[in-house]
Amino acid sequence: MPDLTLSRRRLLTVLGMGAGAAALAACTVPTSSGSSGGGGDAGGSGSNLRADMKQAALGEIPSQYQGRTNILFWAPWTGALFDVLAEAFTMFNDSQSDIYAAVESVGGYADLNTQFTAALQAKAVPDMVCFPELQWLQFYFAGALTPLDPHFTDEWNLDIYLQNYIGEGKAGEETYVVPFARSTPLFYYNKTAFSELGLPVDTQYTWSQLREFGPEIASLTSSGQPVKTFAYGADDAWFASSWLWAFDGQWADGFTVMPEEAPVQDLMTFAKEWVHVDGHAYQAQAAHTDFQTGLVTAVHGSTASMRGLTDAVDFELGAAFMPGEVNQPPRVPTGGSGFSLVKTDSQERQDATAELLKFLGTPEMSGWYHMNSGYVPIVTAARDEPEVQELHASNPNFTVAIDQLENAQTVAPALWFQAGVQALGQAFATLTGDDADVQATIDTLRGELEGVLEDNRDDLEALGIA
C-alpha cells in the first residue's frame, strides 16, 4: 500500500518549492484537547494567486452553459452522495448565467489526496478541493490553498455555520476551509429485528450490551445462516477514535502515542474476542450491504449514510449515538469535510468559486443537502427551513446526529495525516479479519503513529502541538 502522507518538506519537494516558501506565522487549529496554538502560512509572497498553476482539463461543457467562467471541483464521493452533490451544482448553474461549475468524482478522500498531489506537481489543478477534518493542513503548509476571508460578506461568513466545525478550517486570522459535508459517526441498527426480539430500542447502547445480545440475535437466520450482531469494516479508523474514547483511552496526546496502554488493550481484546471467540461480529467486505440484506443487525456509519440507508432498507431503521463503555455516551470524532480554494493563476475563477460557496451556504441549500444526504445541516439557519423541520418531525433519526454534536471533538494529531489513518485502520483490520495478536498489533501501531508524528513534527509544533 503506498504511503499517502506528505510532510510539508516532502510536499514542497514535490511542488518544486524551497523550504523558505513555508515561512511560519500564527495558526489556530484545535487539538484533540480543544486547545490551539501557533502555526504556519506557506503562501510565500502572501499572494492568493500562483501564475504557474493552470486549471485542470474540464470535461465537455453542456451547450446551455457555454461562454461562462468555468470552475472545477474534484469531489471525493461516489454513488448516491456524488449524485446529490452533482444535482446541487446543476441548481447553481441554472440559478445564474455567468458561471459554470463542473464537478468530477475522483473516488474517495485518499484518492483525492493522491490525485491533487499529482495535479500540483503537474501544475494543472482544480479550483476547489474538499479534504476531511484537518487533512487540508499539509496542502496549506505547502502553499497550495488560498484564504477565503476576502470573499466573506455580511450574508456569507463563518457566523452562519455550526461553530463545532469552524476552528478546524482556520489558520491564524485566516480561513482556509468552510464546512459543508460535515458529520459524526452514528450507530445504525435494525429496529424491526431488535423490537421483535424484545431488545431495547431508542436508547444509548454500550459495546458490552451489544455483545450480550449475540445469542438472541443469532436465533434469527438470513440465507440459512445465523444473523450476526455487528459488522466491522476493513477501514474503520475514523470510528476507532470513538471506540477508544468509549473505553476511556486516547490514541495520542500530542506527540505521546497511547499514553495509557490498558484502554487500548481492553478495546482491541474486546473487538478480537467478539469476532473470533463469540462469533457474533465479523469483518465485512461491504458492511452496509450486509446490513441492508439482513445478514447483520447493526453497523456504524457516517451521518451521510442516513439518507441512503433510509431509502435502501425494507425494515425500520434505528439510529443512535455511538455506543459507550466506560464513558457513556462517548465522545465522537468530527467528520466530513469542507471546501478550500486552490491557489491558481486566475482571480476570476477564484471569485466565481466563492459565488458557488455562497450559494451552497444559503439556509435553503444547506437544508436541501442535509435532507438528501444525511450530513448535518451545517448552516445553523437551515434547521428552521420548513422542509427540514418536517423531515425531523417525521423521521427522528435525522435529529440524532445534531443531538450528538455536543460530544464531537477533533481527533488526535497523529490522525490528521493519511498514513496515521491507514495505520489505525490496518491495525483493526488485522484484529477483526486476521485474528492478529493484540500486543503485536499495539506495538506495530505505536511505531507507525510515532513515525507519522515525527515526519510532521515541524508542522505540528508550529501549530502548537507539544
Protein backbone atom coordinates (compact mmCIF):
# COMPACT_ATOMS: atom_id res chain seq x y z
CA MET A 1 0.00 0.00 0.00
CA PRO A 2 1.50 3.39 -0.96
CA ASP A 3 2.30 5.95 1.71
CA LEU A 4 -0.16 8.77 1.08
CA THR A 5 1.11 11.02 3.85
CA LEU A 6 3.10 14.02 2.77
CA SER A 7 5.04 16.03 5.30
CA ARG A 8 5.48 19.70 4.43
CA ARG A 9 9.09 19.03 3.41
CA ARG A 10 8.11 16.19 1.08
CA LEU A 11 5.22 18.10 -0.46
CA LEU A 12 7.35 21.17 -1.03
CA THR A 13 9.82 18.95 -2.83
CA VAL A 14 7.02 17.54 -4.99
CA LEU A 15 5.93 21.08 -5.87
CA GLY A 16 9.47 22.26 -6.59
CA MET A 17 9.34 24.88 -3.85
CA GLY A 18 12.12 25.78 -1.48
CA ALA A 19 11.76 25.44 2.25
CA GLY A 20 11.76 29.21 2.52
CA ALA A 21 8.34 29.25 0.90
CA ALA A 22 6.88 27.87 4.11
CA ALA A 23 7.68 30.75 6.45
CA LEU A 24 5.58 30.27 9.59
CA ALA A 25 3.03 32.61 11.10
CA ALA A 26 0.33 32.29 13.79
CA CYS A 27 -2.16 29.50 13.25
CA THR A 28 -5.27 28.50 15.19
CA VAL A 29 -6.26 24.88 14.80
CA PRO A 30 -7.89 22.83 17.59
CA THR A 31 -6.05 19.87 19.04
CA SER A 32 -7.78 16.80 20.42
CA SER A 33 -8.00 18.53 23.78
CA GLY A 34 -9.64 21.60 22.26
CA SER A 35 -6.62 23.89 22.66
CA SER A 36 -4.94 25.84 19.89
CA GLY A 37 -1.59 27.35 19.16
CA GLY A 38 0.80 28.95 16.71
CA GLY A 39 1.25 27.60 13.24
CA GLY A 40 2.23 28.47 9.72
CA ASP A 41 1.46 30.04 6.43
CA ALA A 42 3.12 28.64 3.38
CA GLY A 43 1.96 31.28 0.98
CA GLY A 44 5.42 32.61 0.26
CA SER A 45 4.68 36.11 -1.01
CA GLY A 46 1.25 36.02 0.56
CA SER A 47 -0.46 36.31 -2.84
CA ASN A 48 -3.64 34.34 -3.41
CA LEU A 49 -2.53 33.67 -7.00
CA ARG A 50 0.16 31.48 -8.49
CA ALA A 51 0.80 32.11 -12.17
CA ASP A 52 2.05 28.61 -12.97
CA MET A 53 -1.00 26.80 -11.58
CA LYS A 54 -3.37 26.40 -14.51
CA GLN A 55 -6.83 24.85 -14.44
CA ALA A 56 -7.02 21.09 -14.93
CA ALA A 57 -8.81 19.85 -18.01
CA LEU A 58 -12.58 20.10 -17.95
CA GLY A 59 -14.92 17.58 -19.45
CA GLU A 60 -17.43 18.51 -22.12
CA ILE A 61 -19.36 21.64 -21.18
CA PRO A 62 -23.12 21.40 -21.89
CA SER A 63 -24.27 23.77 -24.60
CA GLN A 64 -26.55 25.76 -22.29
CA TYR A 65 -23.55 26.71 -20.15
CA GLN A 66 -21.16 27.74 -22.93
CA GLY A 67 -19.47 31.13 -22.71
CA ARG A 68 -19.32 31.30 -18.92
CA THR A 69 -16.46 31.39 -16.44
CA ASN A 70 -15.71 27.71 -15.87
CA ILE A 71 -14.70 26.38 -12.44
CA LEU A 72 -13.81 22.82 -11.46
CA PHE A 73 -14.32 20.83 -8.25
CA TRP A 74 -12.86 17.40 -7.66
CA ALA A 75 -15.31 15.59 -5.40
CA PRO A 76 -14.22 12.79 -3.03
CA TRP A 77 -17.56 10.99 -3.29
CA THR A 78 -19.13 8.35 -5.49
CA GLY A 79 -22.58 6.84 -5.91
CA ALA A 80 -25.62 8.47 -4.37
CA LEU A 81 -23.63 11.11 -2.46
CA PHE A 82 -21.96 12.27 -5.65
CA ASP A 83 -25.33 12.32 -7.44
CA VAL A 84 -26.77 14.60 -4.75
CA LEU A 85 -23.81 16.96 -5.00
CA ALA A 86 -24.00 16.99 -8.79
CA GLU A 87 -27.66 17.96 -8.54
CA ALA A 88 -26.73 20.84 -6.23
CA PHE A 89 -24.16 22.03 -8.78
CA THR A 90 -26.79 21.90 -11.52
CA MET A 91 -29.08 24.01 -9.34
CA PHE A 92 -26.28 26.57 -9.04
CA ASN A 93 -25.56 26.53 -12.76
CA ASP A 94 -29.25 27.09 -13.51
CA SER A 95 -29.59 29.87 -10.93
CA GLN A 96 -27.42 32.35 -12.83
CA SER A 97 -25.85 32.89 -16.25
CA ASP A 98 -22.21 33.83 -15.58
CA ILE A 99 -20.56 30.73 -14.05
CA TYR A 100 -20.42 27.07 -14.94
CA ALA A 101 -19.38 24.86 -12.01
CA ALA A 102 -18.15 21.45 -13.12
CA VAL A 103 -17.94 18.60 -10.60
CA GLU A 104 -15.97 15.41 -11.18
CA SER A 105 -15.72 12.39 -8.88
CA VAL A 106 -12.17 11.27 -8.12
CA GLY A 107 -13.15 8.39 -5.81
CA GLY A 108 -12.65 8.81 -2.07
CA TYR A 109 -10.65 11.10 0.18
CA ALA A 110 -7.44 9.09 -0.18
CA ASP A 111 -7.84 9.17 -3.96
CA LEU A 112 -8.25 12.94 -3.87
CA ASN A 113 -5.11 13.25 -1.72
CA THR A 114 -3.10 11.33 -4.31
CA GLN A 115 -4.65 13.00 -7.37
CA PHE A 116 -4.37 16.54 -6.01
CA THR A 117 -0.73 15.98 -5.14
CA ALA A 118 -0.09 14.81 -8.68
CA ALA A 119 -2.02 17.79 -10.05
CA LEU A 120 0.09 20.22 -8.05
CA GLN A 121 3.22 18.62 -9.41
CA ALA A 122 1.83 18.84 -12.95
CA LYS A 123 0.64 22.40 -12.29
CA ALA A 124 -2.85 21.61 -13.59
CA VAL A 125 -5.29 21.86 -10.68
CA PRO A 126 -8.98 22.10 -9.82
CA ASP A 127 -10.32 25.38 -8.44
CA MET A 128 -11.74 23.80 -5.29
CA VAL A 129 -10.97 20.74 -3.16
CA CYS A 130 -12.55 19.07 -0.15
CA PHE A 131 -10.40 17.21 2.41
CA PRO A 132 -11.65 15.50 5.59
CA GLU A 133 -11.19 17.01 9.03
CA LEU A 134 -7.66 18.52 9.20
CA GLN A 135 -6.07 16.73 6.28
CA TRP A 136 -6.04 20.04 4.41
CA LEU A 137 -3.15 21.20 6.61
CA GLN A 138 -0.40 19.53 4.59
CA PHE A 139 -1.54 21.41 1.48
CA TYR A 140 -1.85 24.64 3.44
CA PHE A 141 1.74 24.34 4.59
CA ALA A 142 2.82 23.73 1.01
CA GLY A 143 1.16 26.95 -0.14
CA ALA A 144 -1.44 25.21 -2.30
CA LEU A 145 -4.51 26.87 -0.72
CA THR A 146 -5.65 30.47 -0.50
CA PRO A 147 -7.71 32.21 2.20
CA LEU A 148 -11.46 32.54 1.85
CA ASP A 149 -11.87 35.61 4.07
CA PRO A 150 -11.65 38.23 1.26
CA HIS A 151 -14.81 36.71 -0.19
CA PHE A 152 -16.89 36.86 3.00
CA THR A 153 -19.91 39.17 3.09
CA ASP A 154 -22.49 40.18 5.67
CA GLU A 155 -24.63 37.25 4.49
CA TRP A 156 -21.89 34.64 3.96
CA ASN A 157 -19.26 34.28 6.66
CA LEU A 158 -18.23 31.92 9.44
CA ASP A 159 -21.04 33.11 11.72
CA ILE A 160 -23.67 31.27 9.67
CA TYR A 161 -22.17 27.80 10.28
CA LEU A 162 -22.31 25.37 13.22
CA GLN A 163 -19.45 26.55 15.38
CA ASN A 164 -18.28 22.99 16.25
CA TYR A 165 -16.57 22.85 12.87
CA ILE A 166 -15.23 26.38 12.37
CA GLY A 167 -11.91 26.00 14.20
CA GLU A 168 -10.84 23.07 12.03
CA GLY A 169 -10.71 25.35 9.00
CA LYS A 170 -8.83 28.36 10.35
CA ALA A 171 -5.15 29.22 10.26
CA GLY A 172 -4.28 32.23 12.36
CA GLU A 173 -6.67 35.02 11.43
CA GLU A 174 -7.49 33.44 8.07
CA THR A 175 -9.96 30.81 6.91
CA TYR A 176 -8.90 28.04 4.56
CA VAL A 177 -11.94 25.77 4.86
CA VAL A 178 -15.64 26.47 5.13
CA PRO A 179 -17.65 23.49 6.39
CA PHE A 180 -20.00 21.72 4.01
CA ALA A 181 -20.37 17.94 4.21
CA ARG A 182 -19.81 17.62 7.95
CA SER A 183 -20.81 14.66 10.08
CA THR A 184 -20.31 12.48 13.12
CA PRO A 185 -20.29 8.68 13.22
CA LEU A 186 -23.59 7.04 14.14
CA PHE A 187 -24.75 3.61 15.24
CA TYR A 188 -27.33 2.14 12.87
CA TYR A 189 -29.42 -0.88 13.82
CA ASN A 190 -32.31 -2.98 12.54
CA LYS A 191 -35.04 -1.62 14.77
CA THR A 192 -37.55 -4.15 13.49
CA ALA A 193 -35.35 -7.09 14.48
CA PHE A 194 -34.45 -5.58 17.86
CA SER A 195 -38.13 -4.98 18.63
CA GLU A 196 -39.18 -8.48 17.59
CA LEU A 197 -36.54 -9.96 19.91
CA GLY A 198 -37.53 -7.72 22.79
CA LEU A 199 -34.20 -5.89 22.76
CA PRO A 200 -34.12 -2.23 23.80
CA VAL A 201 -34.58 0.39 21.09
CA ASP A 202 -34.31 4.18 21.04
CA THR A 203 -31.64 4.09 23.70
CA GLN A 204 -27.93 4.60 24.32
CA TYR A 205 -26.08 1.30 23.96
CA THR A 206 -22.77 0.07 25.33
CA TRP A 207 -20.46 -2.24 23.42
CA SER A 208 -20.74 -4.87 26.15
CA GLN A 209 -24.52 -4.70 25.99
CA LEU A 210 -24.46 -5.26 22.25
CA ARG A 211 -22.11 -8.20 22.72
CA GLU A 212 -24.57 -9.74 25.16
CA PHE A 213 -27.31 -9.56 22.53
CA GLY A 214 -25.39 -12.02 20.34
CA PRO A 215 -27.12 -15.31 21.18
CA GLU A 216 -30.60 -13.81 20.85
CA ILE A 217 -29.80 -12.16 17.53
CA ALA A 218 -28.24 -15.40 16.27
CA SER A 219 -31.64 -17.06 16.71
CA LEU A 220 -32.61 -15.18 13.55
CA THR A 221 -31.47 -16.53 10.22
CA SER A 222 -30.75 -14.97 6.84
CA SER A 223 -29.91 -17.03 3.77
CA GLY A 224 -29.86 -20.05 6.05
CA GLN A 225 -27.18 -18.56 8.34
CA PRO A 226 -27.45 -17.18 11.89
CA VAL A 227 -27.67 -13.39 11.80
CA LYS A 228 -24.64 -11.57 13.20
CA THR A 229 -24.88 -8.68 15.64
CA PHE A 230 -22.30 -6.27 14.24
CA ALA A 231 -20.15 -5.82 11.15
CA TYR A 232 -16.74 -4.21 11.29
CA GLY A 233 -15.21 -2.87 8.07
CA ALA A 234 -11.74 -3.11 6.63
CA ASP A 235 -11.14 0.64 7.09
CA ASP A 236 -12.63 1.73 10.40
CA ALA A 237 -10.03 4.26 11.54
CA TRP A 238 -12.49 7.13 11.87
CA PHE A 239 -14.81 5.12 14.12
CA ALA A 240 -11.87 3.82 16.16
CA SER A 241 -11.43 7.18 17.87
CA SER A 242 -14.93 6.89 19.33
CA TRP A 243 -14.28 3.25 20.27
CA LEU A 244 -11.24 4.17 22.30
CA TRP A 245 -12.87 7.22 23.87
CA ALA A 246 -15.67 4.87 24.97
CA PHE A 247 -13.02 2.72 26.68
CA ASP A 248 -11.56 5.87 28.29
CA GLY A 249 -8.35 5.95 26.25
CA GLN A 250 -6.77 8.06 23.54
CA TRP A 251 -4.63 7.24 20.54
CA ALA A 252 -2.20 10.06 21.20
CA ASP A 253 -1.71 13.03 23.46
CA GLY A 254 0.37 15.46 21.45
CA PHE A 255 3.49 13.54 20.44
CA THR A 256 2.91 10.79 23.01
CA VAL A 257 1.24 7.80 21.37
CA MET A 258 -1.14 5.74 23.54
CA PRO A 259 -0.29 7.45 26.83
CA GLU A 260 -2.22 4.68 28.59
CA GLU A 261 -2.00 1.24 27.03
CA ALA A 262 -4.60 -0.51 29.21
CA PRO A 263 -7.67 1.02 27.47
CA VAL A 264 -6.17 0.12 24.09
CA GLN A 265 -5.62 -3.45 25.29
CA ASP A 266 -9.23 -3.60 26.51
CA LEU A 267 -10.64 -2.27 23.25
CA MET A 268 -8.57 -4.47 20.96
CA THR A 269 -9.19 -7.56 23.05
CA PHE A 270 -12.92 -6.82 23.01
CA ALA A 271 -13.02 -6.47 19.20
CA LYS A 272 -10.93 -9.59 18.63
CA GLU A 273 -12.97 -11.77 21.01
CA TRP A 274 -16.32 -10.52 19.72
CA VAL A 275 -15.30 -11.75 16.28
CA HIS A 276 -13.06 -14.75 16.88
CA VAL A 277 -14.36 -16.11 20.22
CA ASP A 278 -18.07 -15.21 20.32
CA GLY A 279 -18.55 -15.27 16.56
CA HIS A 280 -21.34 -12.68 16.72
CA ALA A 281 -19.35 -9.92 14.98
CA TYR A 282 -17.24 -10.14 11.86
CA GLN A 283 -15.27 -8.11 9.34
CA ALA A 284 -17.44 -7.50 6.30
CA GLN A 285 -16.37 -6.66 2.78
CA ALA A 286 -19.39 -4.36 2.48
CA ALA A 287 -20.91 -3.85 5.91
CA HIS A 288 -23.81 -1.64 4.81
CA THR A 289 -24.76 -4.06 2.04
CA ASP A 290 -24.87 -6.90 4.57
CA PHE A 291 -26.95 -4.70 6.87
CA GLN A 292 -29.43 -3.89 4.11
CA THR A 293 -29.85 -7.56 3.18
CA GLY A 294 -30.36 -8.71 6.79
CA LEU A 295 -27.10 -10.60 7.35
CA VAL A 296 -26.25 -8.36 10.31
CA THR A 297 -28.38 -6.23 12.62
CA ALA A 298 -26.03 -3.31 13.32
CA VAL A 299 -23.31 -1.26 11.68
CA HIS A 300 -21.79 2.13 12.20
CA GLY A 301 -21.59 4.79 9.56
CA SER A 302 -21.47 8.49 8.90
CA THR A 303 -24.49 10.71 9.22
CA ALA A 304 -24.02 10.86 5.45
CA SER A 305 -25.25 7.26 5.33
CA MET A 306 -28.63 8.28 6.73
CA ARG A 307 -30.47 9.05 3.52
CA GLY A 308 -29.05 6.08 1.62
CA LEU A 309 -29.85 3.58 4.36
CA THR A 310 -33.29 5.04 4.96
CA ASP A 311 -34.16 4.57 1.32
CA ALA A 312 -32.46 1.17 0.92
CA VAL A 313 -33.69 -0.95 3.85
CA ASP A 314 -37.05 -2.75 3.98
CA PHE A 315 -37.16 -2.69 7.78
CA GLU A 316 -37.44 0.12 10.31
CA LEU A 317 -34.04 1.81 10.59
CA GLY A 318 -32.77 2.78 14.02
CA ALA A 319 -30.11 5.42 14.58
CA ALA A 320 -28.38 6.09 17.89
CA PHE A 321 -25.34 7.74 19.40
CA MET A 322 -22.14 5.75 19.07
CA PRO A 323 -22.05 3.04 21.81
CA GLY A 324 -20.31 3.80 25.05
CA GLU A 325 -18.48 1.61 27.55
CA VAL A 326 -16.52 3.18 30.40
CA ASN A 327 -17.66 6.57 29.10
CA GLN A 328 -21.36 6.72 28.38
CA PRO A 329 -22.02 8.31 25.95
CA PRO A 330 -18.54 8.57 24.49
CA ARG A 331 -17.01 11.44 22.63
CA VAL A 332 -17.14 11.12 18.86
CA PRO A 333 -14.85 12.50 16.17
CA THR A 334 -15.87 15.38 14.00
CA GLY A 335 -16.12 14.11 10.47
CA GLY A 336 -16.72 15.02 6.90
CA SER A 337 -15.14 17.88 5.05
CA GLY A 338 -15.36 21.45 3.85
CA PHE A 339 -14.39 23.43 0.79
CA SER A 340 -10.99 25.01 0.13
CA LEU A 341 -9.93 27.38 -2.63
CA VAL A 342 -6.86 26.31 -4.58
CA LYS A 343 -4.14 28.87 -5.29
CA THR A 344 -4.32 29.21 -9.09
CA ASP A 345 -3.49 31.67 -11.85
CA SER A 346 -6.98 33.20 -12.05
CA GLN A 347 -8.65 35.75 -9.79
CA GLU A 348 -11.76 35.45 -11.95
CA ARG A 349 -12.10 31.73 -11.24
CA GLN A 350 -11.46 32.22 -7.53
CA ASP A 351 -14.20 34.85 -7.37
CA ALA A 352 -16.53 32.56 -9.31
CA THR A 353 -15.79 29.65 -6.96
CA ALA A 354 -16.64 31.88 -4.00
CA GLU A 355 -20.02 32.56 -5.59
CA LEU A 356 -20.66 28.81 -5.68
CA LEU A 357 -19.73 28.54 -1.99
CA LYS A 358 -22.10 31.38 -1.12
CA PHE A 359 -24.90 29.58 -2.96
CA LEU A 360 -24.23 26.29 -1.17
CA GLY A 361 -24.04 28.19 2.12
CA THR A 362 -27.58 29.52 1.99
CA PRO A 363 -30.04 28.04 4.50
CA GLU A 364 -32.15 26.71 1.66
CA MET A 365 -29.30 24.79 0.02
CA SER A 366 -27.82 23.62 3.31
CA GLY A 367 -31.21 22.26 4.35
CA TRP A 368 -31.71 20.63 0.96
CA TYR A 369 -28.30 18.96 1.13
CA HIS A 370 -28.97 17.72 4.67
CA MET A 371 -32.30 16.19 3.68
CA ASN A 372 -30.91 14.49 0.59
CA SER A 373 -27.59 13.27 2.02
CA GLY A 374 -27.85 12.96 5.80
CA TYR A 375 -24.93 15.27 6.51
CA VAL A 376 -25.72 17.66 9.34
CA PRO A 377 -27.42 20.95 8.37
CA ILE A 378 -24.14 22.85 8.66
CA VAL A 379 -25.75 26.28 8.23
CA THR A 380 -27.46 26.99 11.54
CA ALA A 381 -30.50 28.66 9.97
CA ALA A 382 -31.10 25.57 7.82
CA ARG A 383 -32.75 23.89 10.78
CA ASP A 384 -35.56 26.46 10.56
CA GLU A 385 -36.37 25.58 6.96
CA PRO A 386 -39.93 24.18 6.90
CA GLU A 387 -38.90 21.09 4.93
CA VAL A 388 -36.13 20.32 7.42
CA GLN A 389 -38.49 20.64 10.36
CA GLU A 390 -41.00 18.38 8.65
CA LEU A 391 -38.32 15.78 8.00
CA HIS A 392 -37.14 15.74 11.60
CA ALA A 393 -40.69 15.52 12.89
CA SER A 394 -41.45 12.55 10.65
CA ASN A 395 -38.06 10.80 10.97
CA PRO A 396 -36.27 11.49 14.28
CA ASN A 397 -33.23 9.55 13.05
CA PHE A 398 -32.12 12.72 11.24
CA THR A 399 -32.08 14.54 14.58
CA VAL A 400 -29.71 12.08 16.27
CA ALA A 401 -26.57 13.45 14.63
CA ILE A 402 -27.44 17.00 15.65
CA ASP A 403 -28.06 15.91 19.24
CA GLN A 404 -24.73 14.07 19.29
CA LEU A 405 -22.77 17.17 18.19
CA GLU A 406 -22.22 18.18 21.80
CA ASN A 407 -19.99 15.09 22.15
CA ALA A 408 -17.96 15.79 18.99
CA GLN A 409 -14.30 16.78 19.04
CA THR A 410 -11.23 16.75 16.82
CA VAL A 411 -9.20 13.55 16.56
CA ALA A 412 -5.61 13.25 17.78
CA PRO A 413 -2.96 14.96 15.59
CA ALA A 414 -1.48 11.59 14.64
CA LEU A 415 -4.72 11.05 12.70
CA TRP A 416 -4.57 14.33 10.78
CA PHE A 417 -2.50 12.56 8.12
CA GLN A 418 -3.38 9.78 5.72
CA ALA A 419 -0.62 7.46 6.95
CA GLY A 420 -1.91 7.67 10.52
CA VAL A 421 -5.44 6.92 9.36
CA GLN A 422 -4.21 3.99 7.29
CA ALA A 423 -2.16 2.58 10.16
CA LEU A 424 -5.09 2.66 12.58
CA GLY A 425 -7.48 1.14 10.05
CA GLN A 426 -4.99 -1.61 9.24
CA ALA A 427 -4.48 -2.41 12.93
CA PHE A 428 -8.15 -3.25 13.43
CA ALA A 429 -8.41 -4.98 10.08
CA THR A 430 -5.75 -7.43 11.23
CA LEU A 431 -7.54 -7.99 14.54
CA THR A 432 -11.07 -8.49 13.22
CA GLY A 433 -10.07 -10.04 9.92
CA ASP A 434 -6.87 -11.98 10.64
CA ASP A 435 -7.13 -12.71 14.39
CA ALA A 436 -3.81 -10.94 14.96
CA ASP A 437 -2.08 -10.84 18.35
CA VAL A 438 -3.24 -7.84 20.37
CA GLN A 439 0.14 -6.87 21.81
CA ALA A 440 1.90 -7.20 18.48
CA THR A 441 -0.80 -5.07 16.90
CA ILE A 442 -0.36 -2.38 19.55
CA ASP A 443 3.41 -2.36 19.16
CA THR A 444 3.20 -2.07 15.38
CA LEU A 445 0.59 0.68 15.54
CA ARG A 446 2.58 2.65 18.11
CA GLY A 447 5.65 2.64 15.89
CA GLU A 448 3.66 3.73 12.84
CA LEU A 449 1.87 6.57 14.63
CA GLU A 450 5.11 7.75 16.18
CA GLY A 451 6.62 7.78 12.70
CA VAL A 452 3.75 9.90 11.37
CA LEU A 453 4.18 12.40 14.18
CA GLU A 454 7.93 12.59 13.69
CA ASP A 455 7.60 13.03 9.92
CA ASN A 456 5.33 16.00 10.53
CA ARG A 457 6.92 17.31 13.74
CA ASP A 458 7.87 20.72 12.36
CA ASP A 459 4.36 21.48 11.16
CA LEU A 460 2.68 20.16 14.30
CA GLU A 461 4.98 22.11 16.59
CA ALA A 462 4.22 25.19 14.52
CA LEU A 463 0.54 24.52 15.25
CA GLY A 464 1.23 24.45 18.98
CA ILE A 465 1.24 20.67 19.40
CA ALA A 466 3.63 19.60 22.14
